Amino acid sequence: MDKDIKHSETHHHHHHHVHHKVKSLLNSPTVKLLVCFLGIFVAYLLFGIVQESIVKGTYGQHDKFTYIVSLVFFQCIFNAIVSKLILILRKTHQDTTPSKMYALSSFTYLFAMLASNYALEFVSYPMQVLGKSIKPVPVMLLGVLVARKRYPLIKYFYVLLIVLGVVLFMYKKPKETKVIDTGDLIGIGEFLLFVSLVFDGLTGGIQDKIRDKQKVQAYHMMFSMNIWSCLWASIGILITGEMYGLYTFLKVYPHVIFKMFLLGLTGAIGQNFIFLTIEWFGPLTCSIFTTTRKFFTILCSILIFGNPITQQQMFGTALVFYRVTMAEQIIPGADLSEQISLAGMEASGTSNMKFMLNGALTICTLDGANVEMAEEVGNENIFIFGMTVEEVEKRKKEGYNPKHFYEHNDELKQAIDQIKNGYFSPENPDLFHDVANSLLSENGDHYMLLADYESYIKCQDRVSELFKDPINWTKKSILNIAASGKFSSDRTIAEYAREIWGVTPTLTPLPHPHEGRPGTKHEGEAAAAAAAAAATTTNIHGSSSSLNEQGKK
């Protein structure tokens, strides 16, 4: 019996340990982030596919689904049910927001949904998704015109990119006729998308007021907004008389019932994961997730439903989905980039050239890569400090003594003493002791840092002065971007091949690693393989030859 008790206790302890590990894993930020991403991505990807199949599909010979108010009504019901279940599970406090505020915001919310769904009768699904992606435009316009808000200059640039992208996507080459068809420029579908965006902007403004005044929780807002939207939609159904037409349609095509159920369910799940993402990781992460899923929604629409898209439209789509705020997170960028080596040495400049390409100014010594950059952008647009190559060689011949600079520069002496005495590591005073000693030893300061110190400090003072003048700083930043073209991969590889590696592209196809050499028993088999390879490599070697010629020029 004692054995049974011990076994039971051991089993209980093991079960508790496993349960604790699983709970810790599920609560980890990485797992939460992955769950949120997959929730938004999968739910809205399915939502887009189902929505397009319902609204853009053809039933029977020529029947179309035109019961948009009823479709939106079903979506709002599902959203309300899911949000109410979450409120019950979370046991949240009572919402005290006045009903009239929800009534107004739900009215604009419903009209935005109706307009975007009706637009699908006139535009392709990719166009609808793209149109809904430019929501920041009306939000900013209404903010400037109505609320008298001011936005950073970069935000206006971002909106300009969006507008340019949409224009490229919508623009159609004029037909070869003298009569201009205004329908080629903007039609009913595009107008409905514009209406949807305006109502989206109004909804956002009202919701912001609700959040500011009432401090309402997200799921309370989700529930109340959708309940009121159901009420408004039911009034619309009664006015349009859609219910009887929908009943007749579903009787003939009952499989649409399942599609409507799936549409409502995926939409509600997706909306729930959006709220969770904002709650756990903030609006920027949510923006990245929703932008990604919209891009793939367009891709799925093209692949599954065969919606044609031109190169111009692809470029326009890329402009719309380009997010300046996201680019700031993933593209190497800085106001100032430090590329510090010893003059005459060849430090790798590849990483610094990336910063230059993205607008950074550079503070640097006269090493190989920095000299190339200075030649392109001009010495007045780069911060160069330190000794020249000749001065470095002279100091080496005379015998470089780092202690001389330590003893004759009070500021430098103070800095090294602070490093040596534990000023920057009070809990472990000896942590950087070896660093300070190595700089002062006879052969320790290999890069002559102490010799360049005073020049570096003066150069940083110049940097600080220029940074106080944002117009001139920006001017130099733009000039750096414009001058960085020389460091593109194609030109760099061609020059490295010619001047460093000493190789030139060949027009002769290279043999396959497993092919035999001439005169061996595998020569016959190799000849056949080489003939096939020659046909497939002509374009590659032709491109290489062209690249080499460009390099020579």
Protein backbone atom coordinates (compact mmCIF):
# COMPACT_ATOMS: atom_id res chain seq x y z
CA MET A 1 0.00 0.00 0.00
CA ASP A 2 2.91 2.33 0.83
CA LYS A 3 4.33 1.62 -2.62
CA ASP A 4 1.01 2.62 -4.21
CA ILE A 5 0.98 5.87 -2.24
CA LYS A 6 4.58 6.68 -3.23
CA HIS A 7 3.82 5.83 -6.86
CA SER A 8 0.73 8.07 -6.76
CA GLU A 9 2.74 10.95 -5.24
CA THR A 10 5.50 10.54 -7.85
CA HIS A 11 2.94 10.46 -10.67
CA HIS A 12 1.19 13.54 -9.25
CA HIS A 13 4.51 15.41 -8.94
CA HIS A 14 5.49 14.48 -12.51
CA HIS A 15 2.06 15.54 -13.82
CA HIS A 16 2.32 18.87 -11.96
CA HIS A 17 5.85 19.45 -13.37
CA VAL A 18 4.70 18.76 -16.95
CA HIS A 19 1.65 21.01 -16.48
CA HIS A 20 3.90 23.81 -15.19
CA LYS A 21 6.28 23.47 -18.17
CA VAL A 22 3.39 23.51 -20.67
CA LYS A 23 1.86 26.57 -18.97
CA SER A 24 5.23 28.39 -19.01
CA LEU A 25 5.68 27.55 -22.69
CA LEU A 26 2.20 28.82 -23.62
CA ASN A 27 2.79 32.06 -21.70
CA SER A 28 6.17 32.75 -23.35
CA PRO A 29 6.25 35.88 -25.59
CA THR A 30 7.56 33.89 -28.56
CA VAL A 31 4.65 31.44 -28.49
CA LYS A 32 2.14 34.26 -28.02
CA LEU A 33 3.63 36.16 -30.96
CA LEU A 34 3.47 33.07 -33.18
CA VAL A 35 -0.13 32.33 -32.14
CA CYS A 36 -1.21 35.92 -32.89
CA PHE A 37 0.50 35.93 -36.28
CA LEU A 38 -0.96 32.57 -37.34
CA GLY A 39 -4.38 33.57 -35.98
CA ILE A 40 -4.52 36.77 -38.05
CA PHE A 41 -2.80 35.28 -41.09
CA VAL A 42 -4.84 32.06 -41.40
CA ALA A 43 -8.20 33.54 -40.36
CA TYR A 44 -8.10 36.49 -42.75
CA LEU A 45 -6.54 34.49 -45.57
CA LEU A 46 -9.52 32.10 -45.41
CA PHE A 47 -11.86 35.08 -44.95
CA GLY A 48 -10.59 36.67 -48.17
CA ILE A 49 -10.88 33.46 -50.18
CA VAL A 50 -14.43 32.78 -48.93
CA GLN A 51 -15.54 36.40 -49.38
CA GLU A 52 -14.32 36.51 -52.98
CA SER A 53 -15.92 33.15 -53.78
CA ILE A 54 -19.28 34.38 -52.42
CA VAL A 55 -19.43 37.89 -53.87
CA LYS A 56 -17.48 37.42 -57.11
CA GLY A 57 -18.67 33.89 -57.89
CA THR A 58 -21.21 32.94 -60.58
CA TYR A 59 -24.02 30.57 -59.62
CA GLY A 60 -25.81 28.48 -62.21
CA GLN A 61 -25.87 30.16 -65.61
CA HIS A 62 -25.63 33.81 -64.59
CA ASP A 63 -26.83 34.25 -60.98
CA LYS A 64 -24.80 36.49 -58.66
CA PHE A 65 -24.84 36.97 -54.90
CA THR A 66 -26.14 40.52 -54.36
CA TYR A 67 -27.36 40.36 -50.76
CA ILE A 68 -24.58 42.45 -49.27
CA VAL A 69 -26.50 43.92 -46.30
CA SER A 70 -27.49 40.42 -45.17
CA LEU A 71 -23.90 39.20 -45.58
CA VAL A 72 -22.56 42.03 -43.41
CA PHE A 73 -25.38 41.35 -40.91
CA PHE A 74 -24.15 37.76 -40.51
CA GLN A 75 -20.57 38.96 -40.01
CA CYS A 76 -21.65 41.35 -37.24
CA ILE A 77 -23.63 38.58 -35.49
CA PHE A 78 -20.58 36.33 -35.37
CA ASN A 79 -18.36 39.20 -34.15
CA ALA A 80 -20.84 40.00 -31.38
CA ILE A 81 -21.15 36.35 -30.26
CA VAL A 82 -17.38 35.78 -30.10
CA SER A 83 -16.71 39.05 -28.25
CA LYS A 84 -19.52 38.32 -25.75
CA LEU A 85 -18.10 34.85 -25.02
CA ILE A 86 -14.68 36.40 -24.34
CA LEU A 87 -16.23 39.02 -22.03
CA ILE A 88 -17.96 36.22 -20.06
CA LEU A 89 -14.73 34.20 -19.79
CA ARG A 90 -12.70 37.24 -18.72
CA LYS A 91 -15.34 38.46 -16.23
CA THR A 92 -14.70 42.11 -17.07
CA HIS A 93 -16.33 45.11 -15.40
CA GLN A 94 -19.44 46.84 -16.70
CA ASP A 95 -19.10 49.15 -19.72
CA THR A 96 -20.36 52.67 -18.92
CA THR A 97 -19.99 54.16 -22.42
CA PRO A 98 -23.16 56.04 -23.53
CA SER A 99 -25.15 54.02 -26.10
CA LYS A 100 -25.42 56.99 -28.47
CA MET A 101 -21.64 56.95 -29.01
CA TYR A 102 -21.73 53.28 -29.99
CA ALA A 103 -24.80 53.91 -32.15
CA LEU A 104 -22.98 56.60 -34.12
CA SER A 105 -19.68 54.75 -34.49
CA SER A 106 -21.43 51.50 -35.48
CA PHE A 107 -23.38 53.39 -38.17
CA THR A 108 -20.16 54.62 -39.82
CA TYR A 109 -18.52 51.21 -39.23
CA LEU A 110 -21.41 49.42 -40.98
CA PHE A 111 -21.43 51.82 -43.93
CA ALA A 112 -17.69 51.33 -44.41
CA MET A 113 -18.20 47.54 -44.56
CA LEU A 114 -21.19 47.84 -46.91
CA ALA A 115 -19.38 50.18 -49.30
CA SER A 116 -16.30 47.94 -49.53
CA ASN A 117 -18.44 44.83 -50.11
CA TYR A 118 -20.60 46.54 -52.75
CA ALA A 119 -17.39 47.70 -54.46
CA LEU A 120 -16.60 44.05 -55.26
CA GLU A 121 -19.40 44.08 -57.82
CA PHE A 122 -17.37 46.59 -59.85
CA VAL A 123 -13.66 46.05 -59.05
CA SER A 124 -11.37 43.05 -58.68
CA TYR A 125 -10.71 41.62 -55.24
CA PRO A 126 -7.02 42.69 -55.29
CA MET A 127 -8.17 46.25 -55.99
CA GLN A 128 -10.59 46.09 -53.06
CA VAL A 129 -7.91 44.82 -50.66
CA LEU A 130 -5.46 47.44 -51.92
CA GLY A 131 -8.08 50.16 -51.57
CA LYS A 132 -8.78 49.18 -47.97
CA SER A 133 -5.04 49.27 -47.28
CA ILE A 134 -4.83 53.04 -47.80
CA LYS A 135 -6.84 53.81 -44.67
CA PRO A 136 -4.11 56.19 -43.32
CA VAL A 137 -4.91 58.63 -46.15
CA PRO A 138 -8.47 59.62 -45.10
CA VAL A 139 -7.51 59.38 -41.42
CA MET A 140 -4.72 61.92 -41.97
CA LEU A 141 -6.82 64.16 -44.22
CA LEU A 142 -9.67 64.27 -41.70
CA GLY A 143 -7.14 64.87 -38.93
CA VAL A 144 -5.62 67.85 -40.78
CA LEU A 145 -8.87 69.38 -42.07
CA VAL A 146 -11.24 68.68 -39.16
CA ALA A 147 -9.13 68.20 -36.03
CA ARG A 148 -6.34 70.61 -37.14
CA LYS A 149 -3.69 68.01 -36.32
CA ARG A 150 -0.07 68.20 -37.45
CA TYR A 151 1.92 65.17 -38.47
CA PRO A 152 5.67 64.55 -38.93
CA LEU A 153 7.01 65.15 -42.44
CA ILE A 154 7.77 61.43 -42.86
CA LYS A 155 4.05 60.63 -42.44
CA TYR A 156 3.15 62.87 -45.41
CA PHE A 157 5.82 61.13 -47.46
CA TYR A 158 4.34 57.78 -46.47
CA VAL A 159 0.85 58.89 -47.57
CA LEU A 160 2.30 60.19 -50.85
CA LEU A 161 3.76 56.72 -51.52
CA ILE A 162 0.36 55.14 -50.87
CA VAL A 163 -1.45 57.53 -53.20
CA LEU A 164 1.18 57.01 -55.91
CA GLY A 165 0.85 53.23 -55.54
CA VAL A 166 -2.93 53.32 -55.90
CA VAL A 167 -2.71 55.61 -58.93
CA LEU A 168 -0.29 53.17 -60.59
CA PHE A 169 -2.59 50.25 -59.79
CA MET A 170 -5.73 51.99 -61.10
CA TYR A 171 -4.22 53.71 -64.13
CA LYS A 172 -5.15 52.17 -67.45
CA LYS A 173 -3.54 53.18 -70.72
CA PRO A 174 -5.99 55.29 -72.74
CA LYS A 175 -7.65 53.51 -75.61
CA GLU A 176 -6.70 54.50 -79.13
CA THR A 177 -9.61 56.85 -79.56
CA LYS A 178 -10.09 60.57 -79.33
CA VAL A 179 -13.00 60.18 -76.92
CA ILE A 180 -11.88 60.04 -73.30
CA ASP A 181 -13.83 57.51 -71.26
CA THR A 182 -13.97 58.78 -67.67
CA GLY A 183 -14.77 55.23 -66.59
CA ASP A 184 -11.16 54.36 -67.40
CA LEU A 185 -10.03 56.75 -64.68
CA ILE A 186 -12.49 56.14 -61.84
CA GLY A 187 -15.70 54.14 -61.70
CA ILE A 188 -18.44 53.15 -59.28
CA GLY A 189 -16.23 50.57 -57.56
CA GLU A 190 -13.41 53.04 -56.94
CA PHE A 191 -15.94 55.61 -55.65
CA LEU A 192 -17.42 53.05 -53.24
CA LEU A 193 -13.92 52.25 -51.95
CA PHE A 194 -13.38 55.98 -51.37
CA VAL A 195 -16.69 56.18 -49.47
CA SER A 196 -15.63 53.16 -47.40
CA LEU A 197 -12.34 54.84 -46.51
CA VAL A 198 -14.07 58.08 -45.49
CA PHE A 199 -16.41 56.17 -43.16
CA ASP A 200 -13.41 54.22 -41.83
CA GLY A 201 -11.77 57.53 -40.98
CA LEU A 202 -14.91 58.76 -39.21
CA THR A 203 -15.19 55.47 -37.30
CA GLY A 204 -11.59 55.75 -36.15
CA GLY A 205 -12.14 59.31 -34.94
CA ILE A 206 -15.26 58.39 -32.94
CA GLN A 207 -13.58 55.31 -31.44
CA ASP A 208 -10.61 57.46 -30.35
CA LYS A 209 -13.01 59.78 -28.51
CA ILE A 210 -14.67 56.79 -26.81
CA ARG A 211 -11.28 55.45 -25.68
CA ASP A 212 -10.12 58.85 -24.42
CA LYS A 213 -13.28 59.67 -22.47
CA GLN A 214 -14.46 56.25 -21.27
CA LYS A 215 -11.25 54.15 -21.09
CA VAL A 216 -13.28 51.29 -22.56
CA GLN A 217 -11.84 47.79 -23.02
CA ALA A 218 -11.41 46.49 -26.56
CA TYR A 219 -13.87 43.58 -26.27
CA HIS A 220 -16.60 45.81 -24.83
CA MET A 221 -16.20 48.04 -27.87
CA MET A 222 -16.16 45.05 -30.23
CA PHE A 223 -19.37 43.66 -28.72
CA SER A 224 -21.31 46.94 -28.56
CA MET A 225 -20.21 48.08 -32.02
CA ASN A 226 -21.35 44.83 -33.62
CA ILE A 227 -24.64 44.64 -31.69
CA TRP A 228 -25.54 48.14 -32.86
CA SER A 229 -24.39 47.27 -36.38
CA CYS A 230 -26.76 44.26 -36.35
CA LEU A 231 -29.59 46.64 -35.47
CA TRP A 232 -28.71 49.09 -38.28
CA ALA A 233 -28.25 46.22 -40.75
CA SER A 234 -31.61 44.67 -39.85
CA ILE A 235 -33.27 48.01 -40.63
CA GLY A 236 -31.44 48.02 -43.97
CA ILE A 237 -32.64 44.47 -44.71
CA LEU A 238 -36.24 45.48 -44.02
CA ILE A 239 -35.95 48.55 -46.27
CA THR A 240 -34.31 46.69 -49.17
CA GLY A 241 -36.43 43.56 -48.78
CA GLU A 242 -33.31 41.41 -49.10
CA MET A 243 -34.41 38.65 -46.74
CA TYR A 244 -36.89 37.01 -49.12
CA GLY A 245 -34.44 37.20 -52.03
CA LEU A 246 -31.67 35.71 -49.86
CA TYR A 247 -33.98 32.90 -48.69
CA THR A 248 -34.82 32.02 -52.31
CA PHE A 249 -31.16 32.19 -53.35
CA LEU A 250 -30.00 29.93 -50.50
CA LYS A 251 -32.78 27.46 -51.28
CA VAL A 252 -31.39 27.09 -54.82
CA TYR A 253 -27.71 27.21 -53.76
CA PRO A 254 -27.60 25.77 -50.19
CA HIS A 255 -23.79 25.39 -50.21
CA VAL A 256 -23.56 29.18 -49.81
CA ILE A 257 -24.92 28.80 -46.25
CA PHE A 258 -21.71 27.02 -45.21
CA LYS A 259 -19.63 29.71 -46.93
CA MET A 260 -21.50 32.46 -45.04
CA PHE A 261 -20.97 30.57 -41.77
CA LEU A 262 -17.25 30.21 -42.53
CA LEU A 263 -17.00 33.90 -43.49
CA GLY A 264 -18.55 35.03 -40.21
CA LEU A 265 -16.44 32.63 -38.14
CA THR A 266 -13.07 33.49 -39.75
CA GLY A 267 -13.83 37.22 -39.58
CA ALA A 268 -14.68 37.02 -35.87
CA ILE A 269 -11.61 34.91 -35.07
CA GLY A 270 -9.37 37.27 -37.04
CA GLN A 271 -10.79 40.32 -35.28
CA ASN A 272 -10.21 38.62 -31.92
CA PHE A 273 -6.55 37.96 -32.74
CA ILE A 274 -6.12 41.59 -33.84
CA PHE A 275 -7.30 42.76 -30.40
CA LEU A 276 -5.02 40.23 -28.67
CA THR A 277 -2.00 41.35 -30.74
CA ILE A 278 -2.59 45.01 -29.87
CA GLU A 279 -3.06 44.11 -26.19
CA TRP A 280 0.09 41.95 -25.95
CA PHE A 281 2.50 43.52 -28.46
CA GLY A 282 1.12 46.93 -29.46
CA PRO A 283 -0.27 48.47 -32.69
CA LEU A 284 3.03 48.35 -34.65
CA THR A 285 3.26 44.55 -34.46
CA CYS A 286 -0.41 44.31 -35.39
CA SER A 287 0.19 46.60 -38.38
CA ILE A 288 3.03 44.35 -39.59
CA PHE A 289 0.84 41.24 -39.28
CA THR A 290 -2.21 42.73 -41.04
CA THR A 291 -0.08 44.22 -43.82
CA THR A 292 1.55 40.84 -44.43
CA ARG A 293 -1.77 39.03 -44.58
CA LYS A 294 -3.24 41.62 -47.01
CA PHE A 295 -0.33 41.12 -49.37
CA PHE A 296 -0.84 37.34 -49.31
CA THR A 297 -4.60 37.80 -49.70
CA ILE A 298 -3.92 39.60 -52.99
CA LEU A 299 -1.47 36.85 -53.98
CA CYS A 300 -4.05 34.13 -53.23
CA SER A 301 -6.69 36.01 -55.21
CA ILE A 302 -4.37 36.09 -58.23
CA LEU A 303 -3.38 32.41 -57.93
CA ILE A 304 -6.74 30.88 -56.96
CA PHE A 305 -9.22 33.04 -58.87
CA GLY A 306 -6.98 34.00 -61.79
CA ASN A 307 -7.24 37.77 -61.35
CA PRO A 308 -4.79 39.28 -63.85
CA ILE A 309 -2.18 41.77 -62.65
CA THR A 310 0.34 43.78 -64.69
CA GLN A 311 3.92 44.72 -63.77
CA GLN A 312 2.77 48.30 -63.22
CA GLN A 313 0.10 47.10 -60.79
CA MET A 314 2.63 44.92 -58.98
CA PHE A 315 4.87 47.96 -58.50
CA GLY A 316 1.89 50.01 -57.30
CA THR A 317 1.01 47.26 -54.81
CA ALA A 318 4.58 47.27 -53.48
CA LEU A 319 4.41 51.04 -52.91
CA VAL A 320 1.13 50.75 -51.00
CA PHE A 321 2.38 47.96 -48.76
CA TYR A 322 5.71 49.63 -48.12
CA ARG A 323 5.51 50.86 -44.55
CA VAL A 324 7.96 53.53 -43.43
CA THR A 325 7.41 52.59 -39.77
CA MET A 326 8.11 48.92 -40.52
CA ALA A 327 11.12 49.82 -42.64
CA GLU A 328 12.56 51.64 -39.62
CA GLN A 329 12.46 48.33 -37.73
CA ILE A 330 14.05 46.04 -40.35
CA ILE A 331 16.31 48.18 -42.61
CA PRO A 332 19.79 49.14 -41.32
CA GLY A 333 19.64 52.85 -40.67
CA ALA A 334 21.20 55.52 -38.46
CA ASP A 335 21.74 59.25 -38.37
CA LEU A 336 25.47 58.74 -37.90
CA SER A 337 27.55 55.67 -38.66
CA GLU A 338 31.07 55.23 -37.24
CA GLN A 339 33.62 53.41 -39.43
CA ILE A 340 36.82 53.60 -37.40
CA SER A 341 40.05 51.91 -38.35
CA LEU A 342 43.64 53.04 -38.95
CA ALA A 343 44.52 55.01 -42.08
CA GLY A 344 45.94 52.74 -44.75
CA MET A 345 44.23 49.61 -43.47
CA GLU A 346 41.39 47.88 -45.33
CA ALA A 347 38.48 47.53 -42.94
CA SER A 348 35.30 46.07 -44.40
CA GLY A 349 33.08 48.89 -45.60
CA THR A 350 30.12 46.78 -46.77
CA SER A 351 27.99 47.34 -43.68
CA ASN A 352 28.77 51.04 -43.59
CA MET A 353 27.85 51.42 -47.26
CA LYS A 354 24.40 50.02 -46.36
CA PHE A 355 23.98 52.78 -43.79
CA MET A 356 25.15 55.33 -46.37
CA LEU A 357 22.58 53.98 -48.84
CA ASN A 358 19.86 54.57 -46.24
CA GLY A 359 20.87 58.14 -45.48
CA ALA A 360 23.44 57.92 -42.68
CA LEU A 361 26.35 60.34 -42.51
CA THR A 362 29.69 58.73 -41.72
CA ILE A 363 32.42 59.62 -39.24
CA CYS A 364 35.58 57.76 -40.20
CA THR A 365 39.33 57.51 -40.65
CA LEU A 366 41.14 57.30 -43.99
CA ASP A 367 40.99 53.53 -44.40
CA GLY A 368 40.33 51.94 -47.81
CA ALA A 369 36.52 51.77 -47.84
CA ASN A 370 36.12 55.25 -46.35
CA VAL A 371 38.42 56.75 -48.99
CA GLU A 372 36.17 55.27 -51.70
CA MET A 373 33.07 56.72 -50.02
CA ALA A 374 34.68 60.15 -49.66
CA GLU A 375 35.63 60.14 -53.36
CA GLU A 376 31.97 59.61 -54.29
CA VAL A 377 30.20 61.92 -51.86
CA GLY A 378 32.87 64.62 -51.38
CA ASN A 379 34.89 65.43 -48.25
CA GLU A 380 32.38 68.11 -47.25
CA ASN A 381 29.62 65.48 -46.87
CA ILE A 382 31.55 63.01 -44.72
CA PHE A 383 33.31 63.46 -41.36
CA ILE A 384 36.97 62.41 -41.66
CA PHE A 385 39.37 62.51 -38.72
CA GLY A 386 42.74 61.11 -37.75
CA MET A 387 46.16 60.70 -39.33
CA THR A 388 46.93 60.26 -43.01
CA VAL A 389 48.69 57.13 -44.31
CA GLU A 390 52.00 59.04 -44.45
CA GLU A 391 51.64 60.23 -40.85
CA VAL A 392 50.93 56.67 -39.69
CA GLU A 393 54.04 55.35 -41.42
CA LYS A 394 56.14 58.17 -39.96
CA ARG A 395 54.99 57.40 -36.40
CA LYS A 396 55.74 53.70 -36.90
CA LYS A 397 59.29 54.47 -38.07
CA GLU A 398 59.94 56.91 -35.22
CA GLY A 399 58.52 54.49 -32.68
CA TYR A 400 54.91 54.96 -31.53
CA ASN A 401 54.55 55.67 -27.82
CA PRO A 402 50.88 55.73 -26.64
CA LYS A 403 51.88 56.99 -23.16
CA HIS A 404 53.00 60.28 -24.72
CA PHE A 405 49.38 61.10 -25.70
CA TYR A 406 48.06 59.84 -22.34
CA GLU A 407 50.40 62.16 -20.43
CA HIS A 408 49.86 65.25 -22.62
CA ASN A 409 46.05 65.20 -22.99
CA ASP A 410 44.16 65.71 -19.71
CA GLU A 411 40.78 64.68 -21.15
CA LEU A 412 42.21 61.45 -22.59
CA LYS A 413 44.02 60.70 -19.31
CA GLN A 414 40.79 61.14 -17.34
CA ALA A 415 38.90 58.81 -19.70
CA ILE A 416 41.50 56.01 -19.48
CA ASP A 417 41.80 56.40 -15.69
CA GLN A 418 38.02 56.05 -15.35
CA ILE A 419 38.13 52.86 -17.42
CA LYS A 420 41.03 51.51 -15.35
CA ASN A 421 39.57 52.42 -11.93
CA GLY A 422 36.12 50.86 -12.46
CA TYR A 423 34.09 54.06 -13.01
CA PHE A 424 32.00 52.29 -15.69
CA SER A 425 31.79 48.99 -13.74
CA PRO A 426 31.40 49.88 -10.03
CA GLU A 427 30.29 46.35 -9.09
CA ASN A 428 33.44 44.90 -10.69
CA PRO A 429 36.16 47.62 -10.68
CA ASP A 430 38.75 45.42 -12.41
CA LEU A 431 36.47 44.47 -15.31
CA PHE A 432 38.11 46.81 -17.87
CA HIS A 433 41.51 47.04 -16.21
CA ASP A 434 43.21 44.99 -18.93
CA VAL A 435 41.69 47.18 -21.67
CA ALA A 436 43.23 50.33 -20.20
CA ASN A 437 46.60 48.67 -19.63
CA SER A 438 46.72 47.28 -23.17
CA LEU A 439 46.19 50.76 -24.62
CA LEU A 440 49.14 52.11 -22.65
CA SER A 441 51.55 49.22 -23.23
CA GLU A 442 54.31 49.63 -25.82
CA ASN A 443 52.79 47.30 -28.43
CA GLY A 444 49.19 47.40 -27.21
CA ASP A 445 47.63 50.32 -29.11
CA HIS A 446 47.99 48.61 -32.48
CA TYR A 447 45.45 50.91 -34.20
CA MET A 448 46.96 54.09 -32.67
CA LEU A 449 43.66 55.05 -31.05
CA LEU A 450 45.31 57.45 -28.62
CA ALA A 451 47.07 59.28 -31.46
CA ASP A 452 43.74 59.86 -33.22
CA TYR A 453 41.77 60.66 -30.04
CA GLU A 454 42.01 64.47 -30.09
CA SER A 455 41.10 64.62 -33.79
CA TYR A 456 38.13 62.31 -33.14
CA ILE A 457 36.75 64.54 -30.36
CA LYS A 458 37.02 67.65 -32.55
CA CYS A 459 35.28 65.81 -35.39
CA GLN A 460 32.44 64.81 -33.05
CA ASP A 461 32.05 68.48 -32.14
CA ARG A 462 31.55 69.21 -35.87
CA VAL A 463 28.96 66.43 -36.00
CA SER A 464 27.06 67.95 -33.06
CA GLU A 465 27.03 71.41 -34.64
CA LEU A 466 25.67 70.11 -37.94
CA PHE A 467 23.05 67.98 -36.20
CA LYS A 468 21.58 71.16 -34.73
CA ASP A 469 20.87 72.26 -38.33
CA PRO A 470 18.33 69.67 -39.59
CA ILE A 471 18.01 71.21 -43.06
CA ASN A 472 21.72 70.98 -43.85
CA TRP A 473 21.97 67.56 -42.19
CA THR A 474 19.13 66.29 -44.38
CA LYS A 475 20.76 67.80 -47.46
CA LYS A 476 23.99 65.91 -46.77
CA SER A 477 22.00 62.75 -46.02
CA ILE A 478 20.29 62.93 -49.43
CA LEU A 479 23.63 63.54 -51.16
CA ASN A 480 25.02 60.42 -49.45
CA ILE A 481 22.11 58.34 -50.76
CA ALA A 482 22.56 59.75 -54.26
CA ALA A 483 26.31 59.01 -54.24
CA SER A 484 26.00 55.42 -52.99
CA GLY A 485 25.08 53.93 -56.37
CA LYS A 486 28.69 52.97 -57.11
CA PHE A 487 28.58 50.46 -54.28
CA SER A 488 25.84 48.33 -55.83
CA SER A 489 26.45 44.57 -55.82
CA ASP A 490 26.79 44.18 -59.61
CA ARG A 491 29.54 46.78 -59.99
CA THR A 492 31.33 45.73 -56.81
CA ILE A 493 31.46 42.04 -57.75
CA ALA A 494 32.70 42.86 -61.27
CA GLU A 495 35.47 45.09 -59.88
CA TYR A 496 36.51 42.58 -57.21
CA ALA A 497 36.66 39.82 -59.83
CA ARG A 498 38.85 41.93 -62.11
CA GLU A 499 41.14 43.76 -59.66
CA ILE A 500 41.36 41.57 -56.55
CA TRP A 501 40.61 38.00 -57.56
CA GLY A 502 42.15 38.39 -61.03
CA VAL A 503 39.43 36.38 -62.80
CA THR A 504 37.30 37.16 -65.84
CA PRO A 505 33.92 35.74 -66.89
CA THR A 506 34.14 32.93 -69.43
CA LEU A 507 31.95 32.15 -72.41
CA THR A 508 32.87 28.46 -72.19
CA PRO A 509 30.29 26.43 -70.24
CA LEU A 510 31.77 24.95 -67.09
CA PRO A 511 31.54 21.13 -66.91
CA HIS A 512 29.27 19.47 -64.38
CA PRO A 513 31.25 18.25 -61.33
CA HIS A 514 30.39 14.62 -62.17
CA GLU A 515 31.29 14.87 -65.87
CA GLY A 516 34.43 13.14 -67.19
CA ARG A 517 37.39 15.02 -68.65
CA PRO A 518 38.38 14.63 -72.32
CA GLY A 519 40.24 11.40 -72.98
CA THR A 520 38.64 9.46 -70.11
CA LYS A 521 36.13 6.64 -70.38
CA HIS A 522 33.34 9.02 -69.36
CA GLU A 523 34.08 11.42 -72.22
CA GLY A 524 31.19 10.21 -74.40
CA GLU A 525 28.63 10.60 -71.62
CA ALA A 526 30.10 13.95 -70.67
CA ALA A 527 29.84 15.29 -74.23
CA ALA A 528 26.08 14.76 -74.29
CA ALA A 529 25.65 16.38 -70.89
CA ALA A 530 27.86 19.33 -71.88
CA ALA A 531 25.80 19.93 -75.02
CA ALA A 532 22.64 20.16 -72.93
CA ALA A 533 24.35 22.38 -70.36
CA ALA A 534 25.60 24.75 -73.07
CA ALA A 535 22.06 25.52 -74.16
CA THR A 536 20.98 26.39 -70.63
CA THR A 537 24.01 28.50 -69.71
CA THR A 538 24.22 30.75 -72.76
CA ASN A 539 22.13 33.49 -71.14
CA ILE A 540 24.07 33.31 -67.89
CA HIS A 541 27.49 33.66 -69.51
CA GLY A 542 26.19 36.30 -71.89
CA SER A 543 25.09 38.32 -68.86
CA SER A 544 28.47 37.80 -67.20
CA SER A 545 30.29 39.02 -70.29
CA SER A 546 28.09 42.08 -70.42
CA LEU A 547 28.78 42.69 -66.74
CA ASN A 548 32.51 42.46 -67.33
CA GLU A 549 32.32 44.94 -70.20
CA GLN A 550 30.40 47.36 -67.97
CA GLY A 551 33.11 46.96 -65.34
CA LYS A 552 35.81 47.83 -67.87
CA LYS A 553 33.95 50.93 -68.95
